[in-house]
PDB file of N, CA and C in Angstrom:
ATOM      1  N   MET A   1      -2.956  12.861  12.195  1.00  0.00           N
ATOM      2  CA  MET A   1      -3.073  11.440  12.459  1.00  0.00           C
ATOM      3  C   MET A   1      -1.721  10.940  12.966  1.00  0.00           C
ATOM      4  N   ASN A   2      -1.725  10.252  14.068  1.00  0.00           N
ATOM      5  CA  ASN A   2      -0.498   9.723  14.643  1.00  0.00           C
ATOM      6  C   ASN A   2      -0.412   8.222  14.384  1.00  0.00           C
ATOM      7  N   LEU A   3       0.518   7.841  13.552  1.00  0.00           N
ATOM      8  CA  LEU A   3       0.712   6.424  13.232  1.00  0.00           C
ATOM      9  C   LEU A   3       2.047   5.912  13.772  1.00  0.00           C
ATOM     10  N   LYS A   4       2.592   6.610  14.747  1.00  0.00           N
ATOM     11  CA  LYS A   4       3.906   6.259  15.279  1.00  0.00           C
ATOM     12  C   LYS A   4       3.974   4.791  15.681  1.00  0.00           C
ATOM     13  N   GLY A   5       4.969   4.099  15.118  1.00  0.00           N
ATOM     14  CA  GLY A   5       5.200   2.703  15.444  1.00  0.00           C
ATOM     15  C   GLY A   5       4.344   1.706  14.681  1.00  0.00           C
ATOM     16  N   LYS A   6       3.450   2.176  13.827  1.00  0.00           N
ATOM     17  CA  LYS A   6       2.587   1.275  13.064  1.00  0.00           C
ATOM     18  C   LYS A   6       3.281   0.860  11.770  1.00  0.00           C
ATOM     19  N   HIS A   7       3.068  -0.373  11.348  1.00  0.00           N
ATOM     20  CA  HIS A   7       3.582  -0.865  10.073  1.00  0.00           C
ATOM     21  C   HIS A   7       2.475  -0.741   9.036  1.00  0.00           C
ATOM     22  N   VAL A   8       2.813  -0.255   7.843  1.00  0.00           N
ATOM     23  CA  VAL A   8       1.806  -0.065   6.805  1.00  0.00           C
ATOM     24  C   VAL A   8       2.235  -0.713   5.499  1.00  0.00           C
ATOM     25  N   ILE A   9       1.251  -1.173   4.746  1.00  0.00           N
ATOM     26  CA  ILE A   9       1.445  -1.688   3.392  1.00  0.00           C
ATOM     27  C   ILE A   9       0.792  -0.673   2.467  1.00  0.00           C
ATOM     28  N   ILE A  10       1.535  -0.216   1.471  1.00  0.00           N
ATOM     29  CA  ILE A  10       1.067   0.859   0.602  1.00  0.00           C
ATOM     30  C   ILE A  10       0.964   0.353  -0.826  1.00  0.00           C
ATOM     31  N   VAL A  11      -0.205   0.549  -1.434  1.00  0.00           N
ATOM     32  CA  VAL A  11      -0.405   0.227  -2.844  1.00  0.00           C
ATOM     33  C   VAL A  11      -0.881   1.501  -3.527  1.00  0.00           C
ATOM     34  N   GLY A  12       0.001   2.091  -4.324  1.00  0.00           N
ATOM     35  CA  GLY A  12      -0.352   3.293  -5.077  1.00  0.00           C
ATOM     36  C   GLY A  12      -0.871   2.912  -6.453  1.00  0.00           C
ATOM     37  N   GLU A  13      -1.300   3.923  -7.195  1.00  0.00           N
ATOM     38  CA  GLU A  13      -1.863   3.693  -8.519  1.00  0.00           C
ATOM     39  C   GLU A  13      -1.125   4.564  -9.521  1.00  0.00           C
ATOM     40  N   ARG A  14      -0.755   3.997 -10.648  1.00  0.00           N
ATOM     41  CA  ARG A  14       0.089   4.678 -11.622  1.00  0.00           C
ATOM     42  C   ARG A  14      -0.531   5.976 -12.134  1.00  0.00           C
ATOM     43  N   GLU A  15      -1.805   5.977 -12.444  1.00  0.00           N
ATOM     44  CA  GLU A  15      -2.469   7.169 -12.971  1.00  0.00           C
ATOM     45  C   GLU A  15      -3.020   8.071 -11.875  1.00  0.00           C
ATOM     46  N   GLY A  16      -2.930   7.629 -10.636  1.00  0.00           N
ATOM     47  CA  GLY A  16      -3.432   8.408  -9.498  1.00  0.00           C
ATOM     48  C   GLY A  16      -2.279   8.844  -8.620  1.00  0.00           C
ATOM     49  N   ILE A  17      -2.280   8.379  -7.385  1.00  0.00           N
ATOM     50  CA  ILE A  17      -1.231   8.734  -6.428  1.00  0.00           C
ATOM     51  C   ILE A  17      -0.245   7.573  -6.353  1.00  0.00           C
ATOM     52  N   PRO A  18       1.025   7.775  -6.754  1.00  0.00           N
ATOM     53  CA  PRO A  18       2.004   6.698  -6.722  1.00  0.00           C
ATOM     54  C   PRO A  18       2.423   6.320  -5.302  1.00  0.00           C
ATOM     55  N   GLY A  19       2.882   5.091  -5.155  1.00  0.00           N
ATOM     56  CA  GLY A  19       3.296   4.566  -3.852  1.00  0.00           C
ATOM     57  C   GLY A  19       4.294   5.430  -3.100  1.00  0.00           C
ATOM     58  N   PRO A  20       5.366   5.922  -3.747  1.00  0.00           N
ATOM     59  CA  PRO A  20       6.344   6.728  -3.021  1.00  0.00           C
ATOM     60  C   PRO A  20       5.758   8.016  -2.422  1.00  0.00           C
ATOM     61  N   ALA A  21       4.752   8.592  -3.067  1.00  0.00           N
ATOM     62  CA  ALA A  21       4.121   9.794  -2.518  1.00  0.00           C
ATOM     63  C   ALA A  21       3.347   9.444  -1.245  1.00  0.00           C
ATOM     64  N   ILE A  22       2.642   8.326  -1.269  1.00  0.00           N
ATOM     65  CA  ILE A  22       1.905   7.881  -0.081  1.00  0.00           C
ATOM     66  C   ILE A  22       2.894   7.519   1.026  1.00  0.00           C
ATOM     67  N   GLU A  23       4.014   6.902   0.629  1.00  0.00           N
ATOM     68  CA  GLU A  23       5.047   6.530   1.606  1.00  0.00           C
ATOM     69  C   GLU A  23       5.561   7.761   2.343  1.00  0.00           C
ATOM     70  N   ALA A  24       5.802   8.843   1.628  1.00  0.00           N
ATOM     71  CA  ALA A  24       6.299  10.071   2.260  1.00  0.00           C
ATOM     72  C   ALA A  24       5.299  10.593   3.289  1.00  0.00           C
ATOM     73  N   CYS A  25       4.011  10.541   2.961  1.00  0.00           N
ATOM     74  CA  CYS A  25       2.971  10.986   3.899  1.00  0.00           C
ATOM     75  C   CYS A  25       2.926  10.090   5.133  1.00  0.00           C
ATOM     76  N   MET A  26       3.014   8.790   4.912  1.00  0.00           N
ATOM     77  CA  MET A  26       2.951   7.852   6.032  1.00  0.00           C
ATOM     78  C   MET A  26       4.162   8.001   6.947  1.00  0.00           C
ATOM     79  N   ARG A  27       5.341   8.203   6.361  1.00  0.00           N
ATOM     80  CA  ARG A  27       6.546   8.412   7.182  1.00  0.00           C
ATOM     81  C   ARG A  27       6.428   9.684   8.014  1.00  0.00           C
ATOM     82  N   SER A  28       5.860  10.744   7.422  1.00  0.00           N
ATOM     83  CA  SER A  28       5.720  12.001   8.173  1.00  0.00           C
ATOM     84  C   SER A  28       4.725  11.850   9.322  1.00  0.00           C
ATOM     85  N   ALA A  29       3.816  10.877   9.217  1.00  0.00           N
ATOM     86  CA  ALA A  29       2.850  10.616  10.297  1.00  0.00           C
ATOM     87  C   ALA A  29       3.412   9.639  11.323  1.00  0.00           C
ATOM     88  N   GLY A  30       4.639   9.134  11.088  1.00  0.00           N
ATOM     89  CA  GLY A  30       5.293   8.262  12.054  1.00  0.00           C
ATOM     90  C   GLY A  30       5.200   6.786  11.754  1.00  0.00           C
ATOM     91  N   ALA A  31       4.569   6.412  10.638  1.00  0.00           N
ATOM     92  CA  ALA A  31       4.419   4.999  10.286  1.00  0.00           C
ATOM     93  C   ALA A  31       5.702   4.458   9.664  1.00  0.00           C
ATOM     94  N   GLU A  32       5.821   3.142   9.672  1.00  0.00           N
ATOM     95  CA  GLU A  32       6.969   2.471   9.059  1.00  0.00           C
ATOM     96  C   GLU A  32       6.467   1.611   7.894  1.00  0.00           C
ATOM     97  N   PRO A  33       6.677   2.069   6.646  1.00  0.00           N
ATOM     98  CA  PRO A  33       6.244   1.271   5.496  1.00  0.00           C
ATOM     99  C   PRO A  33       7.045  -0.029   5.398  1.00  0.00           C
ATOM    100  N   VAL A  34       6.348  -1.137   5.227  1.00  0.00           N
ATOM    101  CA  VAL A  34       7.018  -2.423   5.076  1.00  0.00           C
ATOM    102  C   VAL A  34       6.941  -2.920   3.635  1.00  0.00           C
ATOM    103  N   LEU A  35       5.997  -2.382   2.853  1.00  0.00           N
ATOM    104  CA  LEU A  35       5.866  -2.741   1.443  1.00  0.00           C
ATOM    105  C   LEU A  35       5.276  -1.549   0.709  1.00  0.00           C
ATOM    106  N   VAL A  36       5.946  -1.118  -0.358  1.00  0.00           N
ATOM    107  CA  VAL A  36       5.464   0.005  -1.164  1.00  0.00           C
ATOM    108  C   VAL A  36       5.462  -0.429  -2.619  1.00  0.00           C
ATOM    109  N   GLN A  37       4.296  -0.352  -3.263  1.00  0.00           N
ATOM    110  CA  GLN A  37       4.180  -0.715  -4.673  1.00  0.00           C
ATOM    111  C   GLN A  37       3.313   0.305  -5.384  1.00  0.00           C
ATOM    112  N   THR A  38       3.581   0.454  -6.674  1.00  0.00           N
ATOM    113  CA  THR A  38       2.720   1.251  -7.539  1.00  0.00           C
ATOM    114  C   THR A  38       2.211   0.302  -8.616  1.00  0.00           C
ATOM    115  N   GLN A  39       0.903   0.183  -8.718  1.00  0.00           N
ATOM    116  CA  GLN A  39       0.276  -0.742  -9.661  1.00  0.00           C
ATOM    117  C   GLN A  39      -0.469   0.034 -10.735  1.00  0.00           C
ATOM    118  N   CYS A  40      -0.785  -0.668 -11.821  1.00  0.00           N
ATOM    119  CA  CYS A  40      -1.600  -0.129 -12.886  1.00  0.00           C
ATOM    120  C   CYS A  40      -2.887  -0.936 -12.921  1.00  0.00           C
ATOM    121  N   PHE A  41      -3.999  -0.298 -12.565  1.00  0.00           N
ATOM    122  CA  PHE A  41      -5.283  -0.967 -12.559  1.00  0.00           C
ATOM    123  C   PHE A  41      -6.046  -0.618 -13.831  1.00  0.00           C
ATOM    124  N   VAL A  42      -6.407  -1.624 -14.586  1.00  0.00           N
ATOM    125  CA  VAL A  42      -7.168  -1.380 -15.833  1.00  0.00           C
ATOM    126  C   VAL A  42      -8.480  -2.133 -15.790  1.00  0.00           C
TER     127      VAL A  42
END
């Protein structure tokens, strides 16, 4: 997937996939994260 030049908002989940892990994937695809958070959904 080529996301070069795209801005992304990332919301990770504490018990699932955390935001920084998703951020690393998005950066490797060429995206530019503008907001990264890890939330706890109950």
